[in-house]
Amino acid sequence: MPSDNAQPKERLGAVESDSVDDGVLELDENLEGLTRRVEAIEESNHDSDKAISKDEIIEESATRLWAH
């Protein structure tokens, strides 16, 4: 004869499993969001580096032109 506690234990296991699944899903969503933010920051930094390089080239060219 099955234990009287078997059914509540099974339900508790299912609830715990659902809670873990929800927690993992939430962590996964947070990780995806953070990944998108990091990629956006890296892209912004890359664009900023390009702009700085472009400004440096223009400044250097202007300096050379004025020197001649």
PDB file of N, CA and C in Angstrom:
ATOM      1  N   MET A   1       0.843  -1.182   0.000  1.00  0.00           N
ATOM      2  CA  MET A   1       0.000   0.000   0.000  1.00  0.00           C
ATOM      3  C   MET A   1       0.891   1.248   0.000  1.00  0.00           C
ATOM      4  N   PRO A   2       0.630   2.211  -0.901  1.00  0.00           N
ATOM      5  CA  PRO A   2       1.469   3.405  -0.981  1.00  0.00           C
ATOM      6  C   PRO A   2       1.350   4.258   0.273  1.00  0.00           C
ATOM      7  N   SER A   3       2.414   4.935   0.543  1.00  0.00           N
ATOM      8  CA  SER A   3       2.453   5.819   1.704  1.00  0.00           C
ATOM      9  C   SER A   3       1.481   6.977   1.510  1.00  0.00           C
ATOM     10  N   ASP A   4       0.906   7.427   2.637  1.00  0.00           N
ATOM     11  CA  ASP A   4      -0.005   8.577   2.574  1.00  0.00           C
ATOM     12  C   ASP A   4       0.743   9.844   2.178  1.00  0.00           C
ATOM     13  N   ASN A   5       2.042   9.858   2.403  1.00  0.00           N
ATOM     14  CA  ASN A   5       2.846  11.039   2.095  1.00  0.00           C
ATOM     15  C   ASN A   5       3.339  11.056   0.652  1.00  0.00           C
ATOM     16  N   ALA A   6       3.133   9.988  -0.087  1.00  0.00           N
ATOM     17  CA  ALA A   6       3.666   9.899  -1.445  1.00  0.00           C
ATOM     18  C   ALA A   6       3.101  10.994  -2.347  1.00  0.00           C
ATOM     19  N   GLN A   7       1.791  11.180  -2.333  1.00  0.00           N
ATOM     20  CA  GLN A   7       1.185  12.173  -3.223  1.00  0.00           C
ATOM     21  C   GLN A   7       1.637  13.593  -2.876  1.00  0.00           C
ATOM     22  N   PRO A   8       1.618  14.011  -1.608  1.00  0.00           N
ATOM     23  CA  PRO A   8       2.125  15.352  -1.301  1.00  0.00           C
ATOM     24  C   PRO A   8       3.601  15.509  -1.672  1.00  0.00           C
ATOM     25  N   LYS A   9       4.396  14.459  -1.489  1.00  0.00           N
ATOM     26  CA  LYS A   9       5.813  14.536  -1.861  1.00  0.00           C
ATOM     27  C   LYS A   9       5.966  14.716  -3.364  1.00  0.00           C
ATOM     28  N   GLU A  10       5.130  14.014  -4.130  1.00  0.00           N
ATOM     29  CA  GLU A  10       5.177  14.163  -5.587  1.00  0.00           C
ATOM     30  C   GLU A  10       4.789  15.576  -5.995  1.00  0.00           C
ATOM     31  N   ARG A  11       3.756  16.106  -5.351  1.00  0.00           N
ATOM     32  CA  ARG A  11       3.330  17.479  -5.661  1.00  0.00           C
ATOM     33  C   ARG A  11       4.417  18.476  -5.280  1.00  0.00           C
ATOM     34  N   LEU A  12       5.039  18.262  -4.124  1.00  0.00           N
ATOM     35  CA  LEU A  12       6.116  19.151  -3.696  1.00  0.00           C
ATOM     36  C   LEU A  12       7.268  19.091  -4.695  1.00  0.00           C
ATOM     37  N   GLY A  13       7.593  17.891  -5.141  1.00  0.00           N
ATOM     38  CA  GLY A  13       8.655  17.743  -6.146  1.00  0.00           C
ATOM     39  C   GLY A  13       8.324  18.473  -7.428  1.00  0.00           C
ATOM     40  N   ALA A  14       7.071  18.392  -7.854  1.00  0.00           N
ATOM     41  CA  ALA A  14       6.645  19.078  -9.077  1.00  0.00           C
ATOM     42  C   ALA A  14       6.719  20.588  -8.902  1.00  0.00           C
ATOM     43  N   VAL A  15       6.291  21.089  -7.742  1.00  0.00           N
ATOM     44  CA  VAL A  15       6.343  22.531  -7.463  1.00  0.00           C
ATOM     45  C   VAL A  15       7.789  23.004  -7.431  1.00  0.00           C
ATOM     46  N   GLU A  16       8.645  22.242  -6.754  1.00  0.00           N
ATOM     47  CA  GLU A  16      10.058  22.610  -6.695  1.00  0.00           C
ATOM     48  C   GLU A  16      10.670  22.609  -8.089  1.00  0.00           C
ATOM     49  N   SER A  17      10.316  21.619  -8.892  1.00  0.00           N
ATOM     50  CA  SER A  17      10.825  21.537 -10.262  1.00  0.00           C
ATOM     51  C   SER A  17      10.361  22.738 -11.077  1.00  0.00           C
ATOM     52  N   ASP A  18       9.084  23.105 -10.949  1.00  0.00           N
ATOM     53  CA  ASP A  18       8.561  24.274 -11.656  1.00  0.00           C
ATOM     54  C   ASP A  18       9.265  25.539 -11.198  1.00  0.00           C
ATOM     55  N   SER A  19       9.519  25.656  -9.895  1.00  0.00           N
ATOM     56  CA  SER A  19      10.203  26.833  -9.359  1.00  0.00           C
ATOM     57  C   SER A  19      11.617  26.929  -9.916  1.00  0.00           C
ATOM     58  N   VAL A  20      12.295  25.798  -9.977  1.00  0.00           N
ATOM     59  CA  VAL A  20      13.650  25.780 -10.526  1.00  0.00           C
ATOM     60  C   VAL A  20      13.615  26.149 -12.001  1.00  0.00           C
ATOM     61  N   ASP A  21      12.659  25.568 -12.744  1.00  0.00           N
ATOM     62  CA  ASP A  21      12.528  25.886 -14.166  1.00  0.00           C
ATOM     63  C   ASP A  21      12.256  27.373 -14.367  1.00  0.00           C
ATOM     64  N   ASP A  22      11.372  27.951 -13.545  1.00  0.00           N
ATOM     65  CA  ASP A  22      11.077  29.382 -13.637  1.00  0.00           C
ATOM     66  C   ASP A  22      12.322  30.206 -13.326  1.00  0.00           C
ATOM     67  N   GLY A  23      13.072  29.779 -12.308  1.00  0.00           N
ATOM     68  CA  GLY A  23      14.297  30.493 -11.943  1.00  0.00           C
ATOM     69  C   GLY A  23      15.331  30.439 -13.053  1.00  0.00           C
ATOM     70  N   VAL A  24      15.480  29.275 -13.658  1.00  0.00           N
ATOM     71  CA  VAL A  24      16.434  29.123 -14.761  1.00  0.00           C
ATOM     72  C   VAL A  24      15.995  29.971 -15.951  1.00  0.00           C
ATOM     73  N   LEU A  25      14.711  29.971 -16.249  1.00  0.00           N
ATOM     74  CA  LEU A  25      14.193  30.776 -17.353  1.00  0.00           C
ATOM     75  C   LEU A  25      14.446  32.260 -17.101  1.00  0.00           C
ATOM     76  N   GLU A  26      14.196  32.704 -15.874  1.00  0.00           N
ATOM     77  CA  GLU A  26      14.425  34.109 -15.532  1.00  0.00           C
ATOM     78  C   GLU A  26      15.906  34.461 -15.660  1.00  0.00           C
ATOM     79  N   LEU A  27      16.779  33.583 -15.176  1.00  0.00           N
ATOM     80  CA  LEU A  27      18.218  33.824 -15.304  1.00  0.00           C
ATOM     81  C   LEU A  27      18.640  33.865 -16.768  1.00  0.00           C
ATOM     82  N   ASP A  28      18.083  32.978 -17.568  1.00  0.00           N
ATOM     83  CA  ASP A  28      18.394  32.943 -18.993  1.00  0.00           C
ATOM     84  C   ASP A  28      17.960  34.237 -19.672  1.00  0.00           C
ATOM     85  N   GLU A  29      16.772  34.724 -19.322  1.00  0.00           N
ATOM     86  CA  GLU A  29      16.285  35.984 -19.896  1.00  0.00           C
ATOM     87  C   GLU A  29      17.168  37.148 -19.457  1.00  0.00           C
ATOM     88  N   ASN A  30      17.587  37.143 -18.194  1.00  0.00           N
ATOM     89  CA  ASN A  30      18.476  38.196 -17.709  1.00  0.00           C
ATOM     90  C   ASN A  30      19.812  38.154 -18.438  1.00  0.00           C
ATOM     91  N   LEU A  31      20.330  36.953 -18.658  1.00  0.00           N
ATOM     92  CA  LEU A  31      21.594  36.800 -19.372  1.00  0.00           C
ATOM     93  C   LEU A  31      21.477  37.312 -20.802  1.00  0.00           C
ATOM     94  N   GLU A  32      20.374  36.998 -21.458  1.00  0.00           N
ATOM     95  CA  GLU A  32      20.161  37.493 -22.821  1.00  0.00           C
ATOM     96  C   GLU A  32      20.112  39.017 -22.842  1.00  0.00           C
ATOM     97  N   GLY A  33      19.426  39.601 -21.870  1.00  0.00           N
ATOM     98  CA  GLY A  33      19.349  41.060 -21.789  1.00  0.00           C
ATOM     99  C   GLY A  33      20.714  41.681 -21.559  1.00  0.00           C
ATOM    100  N   LEU A  34      21.487  41.092 -20.665  1.00  0.00           N
ATOM    101  CA  LEU A  34      22.834  41.595 -20.397  1.00  0.00           C
ATOM    102  C   LEU A  34      23.731  41.449 -21.620  1.00  0.00           C
ATOM    103  N   THR A  35      23.583  40.346 -22.323  1.00  0.00           N
ATOM    104  CA  THR A  35      24.376  40.128 -23.536  1.00  0.00           C
ATOM    105  C   THR A  35      24.074  41.202 -24.573  1.00  0.00           C
ATOM    106  N   ARG A  36      22.794  41.522 -24.750  1.00  0.00           N
ATOM    107  CA  ARG A  36      22.420  42.584 -25.698  1.00  0.00           C
ATOM    108  C   ARG A  36      23.001  43.930 -25.265  1.00  0.00           C
ATOM    109  N   ARG A  37      22.977  44.211 -23.968  1.00  0.00           N
ATOM    110  CA  ARG A  37      23.518  45.483 -23.479  1.00  0.00           C
ATOM    111  C   ARG A  37      25.023  45.561 -23.700  1.00  0.00           C
ATOM    112  N   VAL A  38      25.728  44.463 -23.432  1.00  0.00           N
ATOM    113  CA  VAL A  38      27.181  44.435 -23.637  1.00  0.00           C
ATOM    114  C   VAL A  38      27.506  44.627 -25.115  1.00  0.00           C
ATOM    115  N   GLU A  39      26.766  43.949 -25.986  1.00  0.00           N
ATOM    116  CA  GLU A  39      26.993  44.102 -27.424  1.00  0.00           C
ATOM    117  C   GLU A  39      26.752  45.541 -27.865  1.00  0.00           C
ATOM    118  N   ALA A  40      25.727  46.172 -27.329  1.00  0.00           N
ATOM    119  CA  ALA A  40      25.438  47.566 -27.679  1.00  0.00           C
ATOM    120  C   ALA A  40      26.553  48.484 -27.192  1.00  0.00           C
ATOM    121  N   ILE A  41      27.058  48.226 -25.994  1.00  0.00           N
ATOM    122  CA  ILE A  41      28.159  49.034 -25.455  1.00  0.00           C
ATOM    123  C   ILE A  41      29.412  48.847 -26.297  1.00  0.00           C
ATOM    124  N   GLU A  42      29.708  47.593 -26.658  1.00  0.00           N
ATOM    125  CA  GLU A  42      30.885  47.329 -27.485  1.00  0.00           C
ATOM    126  C   GLU A  42      30.764  48.014 -28.841  1.00  0.00           C
ATOM    127  N   GLU A  43      29.576  47.976 -29.429  1.00  0.00           N
ATOM    128  CA  GLU A  43      29.355  48.635 -30.716  1.00  0.00           C
ATOM    129  C   GLU A  43      29.524  50.144 -30.576  1.00  0.00           C
ATOM    130  N   SER A  44      28.993  50.693 -29.499  1.00  0.00           N
ATOM    131  CA  SER A  44      29.121  52.128 -29.251  1.00  0.00           C
ATOM    132  C   SER A  44      30.587  52.514 -29.073  1.00  0.00           C
ATOM    133  N   ASN A  45      31.320  51.701 -28.317  1.00  0.00           N
ATOM    134  CA  ASN A  45      32.746  51.968 -28.117  1.00  0.00           C
ATOM    135  C   ASN A  45      33.504  51.888 -29.435  1.00  0.00           C
ATOM    136  N   HIS A  46      33.151  50.905 -30.257  1.00  0.00           N
ATOM    137  CA  HIS A  46      33.802  50.754 -31.560  1.00  0.00           C
ATOM    138  C   HIS A  46      33.530  51.980 -32.428  1.00  0.00           C
ATOM    139  N   ASP A  47      32.271  52.429 -32.449  1.00  0.00           N
ATOM    140  CA  ASP A  47      31.909  53.619 -33.218  1.00  0.00           C
ATOM    141  C   ASP A  47      32.635  54.845 -32.681  1.00  0.00           C
ATOM    142  N   SER A  48      32.758  54.928 -31.362  1.00  0.00           N
ATOM    143  CA  SER A  48      33.454  56.050 -30.736  1.00  0.00           C
ATOM    144  C   SER A  48      34.931  56.031 -31.108  1.00  0.00           C
ATOM    145  N   ASP A  49      35.527  54.837 -31.094  1.00  0.00           N
ATOM    146  CA  ASP A  49      36.936  54.709 -31.484  1.00  0.00           C
ATOM    147  C   ASP A  49      37.134  55.135 -32.933  1.00  0.00           C
ATOM    148  N   LYS A  50      36.191  54.769 -33.807  1.00  0.00           N
ATOM    149  CA  LYS A  50      36.270  55.174 -35.211  1.00  0.00           C
ATOM    150  C   LYS A  50      36.211  56.692 -35.323  1.00  0.00           C
ATOM    151  N   ALA A  51      35.303  57.307 -34.567  1.00  0.00           N
ATOM    152  CA  ALA A  51      35.146  58.760 -34.615  1.00  0.00           C
ATOM    153  C   ALA A  51      36.409  59.447 -34.123  1.00  0.00           C
ATOM    154  N   ILE A  52      37.002  58.919 -33.051  1.00  0.00           N
ATOM    155  CA  ILE A  52      38.237  59.502 -32.523  1.00  0.00           C
ATOM    156  C   ILE A  52      39.350  59.368 -33.553  1.00  0.00           C
ATOM    157  N   SER A  53      39.478  58.203 -34.157  1.00  0.00           N
ATOM    158  CA  SER A  53      40.504  57.995 -35.175  1.00  0.00           C
ATOM    159  C   SER A  53      40.302  58.949 -36.345  1.00  0.00           C
ATOM    160  N   LYS A  54      39.062  59.111 -36.772  1.00  0.00           N
ATOM    161  CA  LYS A  54      38.753  60.011 -37.878  1.00  0.00           C
ATOM    162  C   LYS A  54      39.132  61.441 -37.509  1.00  0.00           C
ATOM    163  N   ASP A  55      38.781  61.869 -36.293  1.00  0.00           N
ATOM    164  CA  ASP A  55      39.130  63.215 -35.838  1.00  0.00           C
ATOM    165  C   ASP A  55      40.644  63.395 -35.767  1.00  0.00           C
ATOM    166  N   GLU A  56      41.351  62.369 -35.313  1.00  0.00           N
ATOM    167  CA  GLU A  56      42.812  62.443 -35.230  1.00  0.00           C
ATOM    168  C   GLU A  56      43.425  62.568 -36.621  1.00  0.00           C
ATOM    169  N   ILE A  57      42.900  61.838 -37.580  1.00  0.00           N
ATOM    170  CA  ILE A  57      43.405  61.906 -38.955  1.00  0.00           C
ATOM    171  C   ILE A  57      43.160  63.292 -39.535  1.00  0.00           C
ATOM    172  N   ILE A  58      41.972  63.823 -39.312  1.00  0.00           N
ATOM    173  CA  ILE A  58      41.649  65.164 -39.819  1.00  0.00           C
ATOM    174  C   ILE A  58      42.568  66.198 -39.181  1.00  0.00           C
ATOM    175  N   GLU A  59      42.750  66.092 -37.873  1.00  0.00           N
ATOM    176  CA  GLU A  59      43.611  67.049 -37.170  1.00  0.00           C
ATOM    177  C   GLU A  59      45.049  66.947 -37.661  1.00  0.00           C
ATOM    178  N   GLU A  60      45.543  65.746 -37.839  1.00  0.00           N
ATOM    179  CA  GLU A  60      46.912  65.552 -38.314  1.00  0.00           C
ATOM    180  C   GLU A  60      47.073  66.096 -39.730  1.00  0.00           C
ATOM    181  N   SER A  61      46.087  65.854 -40.580  1.00  0.00           N
ATOM    182  CA  SER A  61      46.131  66.362 -41.954  1.00  0.00           C
ATOM    183  C   SER A  61      46.116  67.886 -41.962  1.00  0.00           C
ATOM    184  N   ALA A  62      45.262  68.464 -41.146  1.00  0.00           N
ATOM    185  CA  ALA A  62      45.184  69.924 -41.068  1.00  0.00           C
ATOM    186  C   ALA A  62      46.501  70.503 -40.561  1.00  0.00           C
ATOM    187  N   THR A  63      47.098  69.861 -39.584  1.00  0.00           N
ATOM    188  CA  THR A  63      48.381  70.331 -39.041  1.00  0.00           C
ATOM    189  C   THR A  63      49.450  70.294 -40.122  1.00  0.00           C
ATOM    190  N   ARG A  64      49.486  69.213 -40.893  1.00  0.00           N
ATOM    191  CA  ARG A  64      50.478  69.109 -41.972  1.00  0.00           C
ATOM    192  C   ARG A  64      50.240  70.170 -43.041  1.00  0.00           C
ATOM    193  N   LEU A  65      48.966  70.414 -43.375  1.00  0.00           N
ATOM    194  CA  LEU A  65      48.667  71.424 -44.389  1.00  0.00           C
ATOM    195  C   LEU A  65      49.105  72.813 -43.928  1.00  0.00           C
ATOM    196  N   TRP A  66      48.865  73.117 -42.658  1.00  0.00           N
ATOM    197  CA  TRP A  66      49.247  74.431 -42.137  1.00  0.00           C
ATOM    198  C   TRP A  66      50.758  74.568 -42.035  1.00  0.00           C
ATOM    199  N   ALA A  67      51.453  73.452 -41.861  1.00  0.00           N
ATOM    200  CA  ALA A  67      52.910  73.483 -41.717  1.00  0.00           C
ATOM    201  C   ALA A  67      53.593  73.779 -43.053  1.00  0.00           C
ATOM    202  N   HIS A  68      52.919  73.485 -44.164  1.00  0.00           N
ATOM    203  CA  HIS A  68      53.547  73.689 -45.476  1.00  0.00           C
ATOM    204  C   HIS A  68      53.253  75.029 -45.991  1.00  0.00           C
TER     205      HIS A  68
END
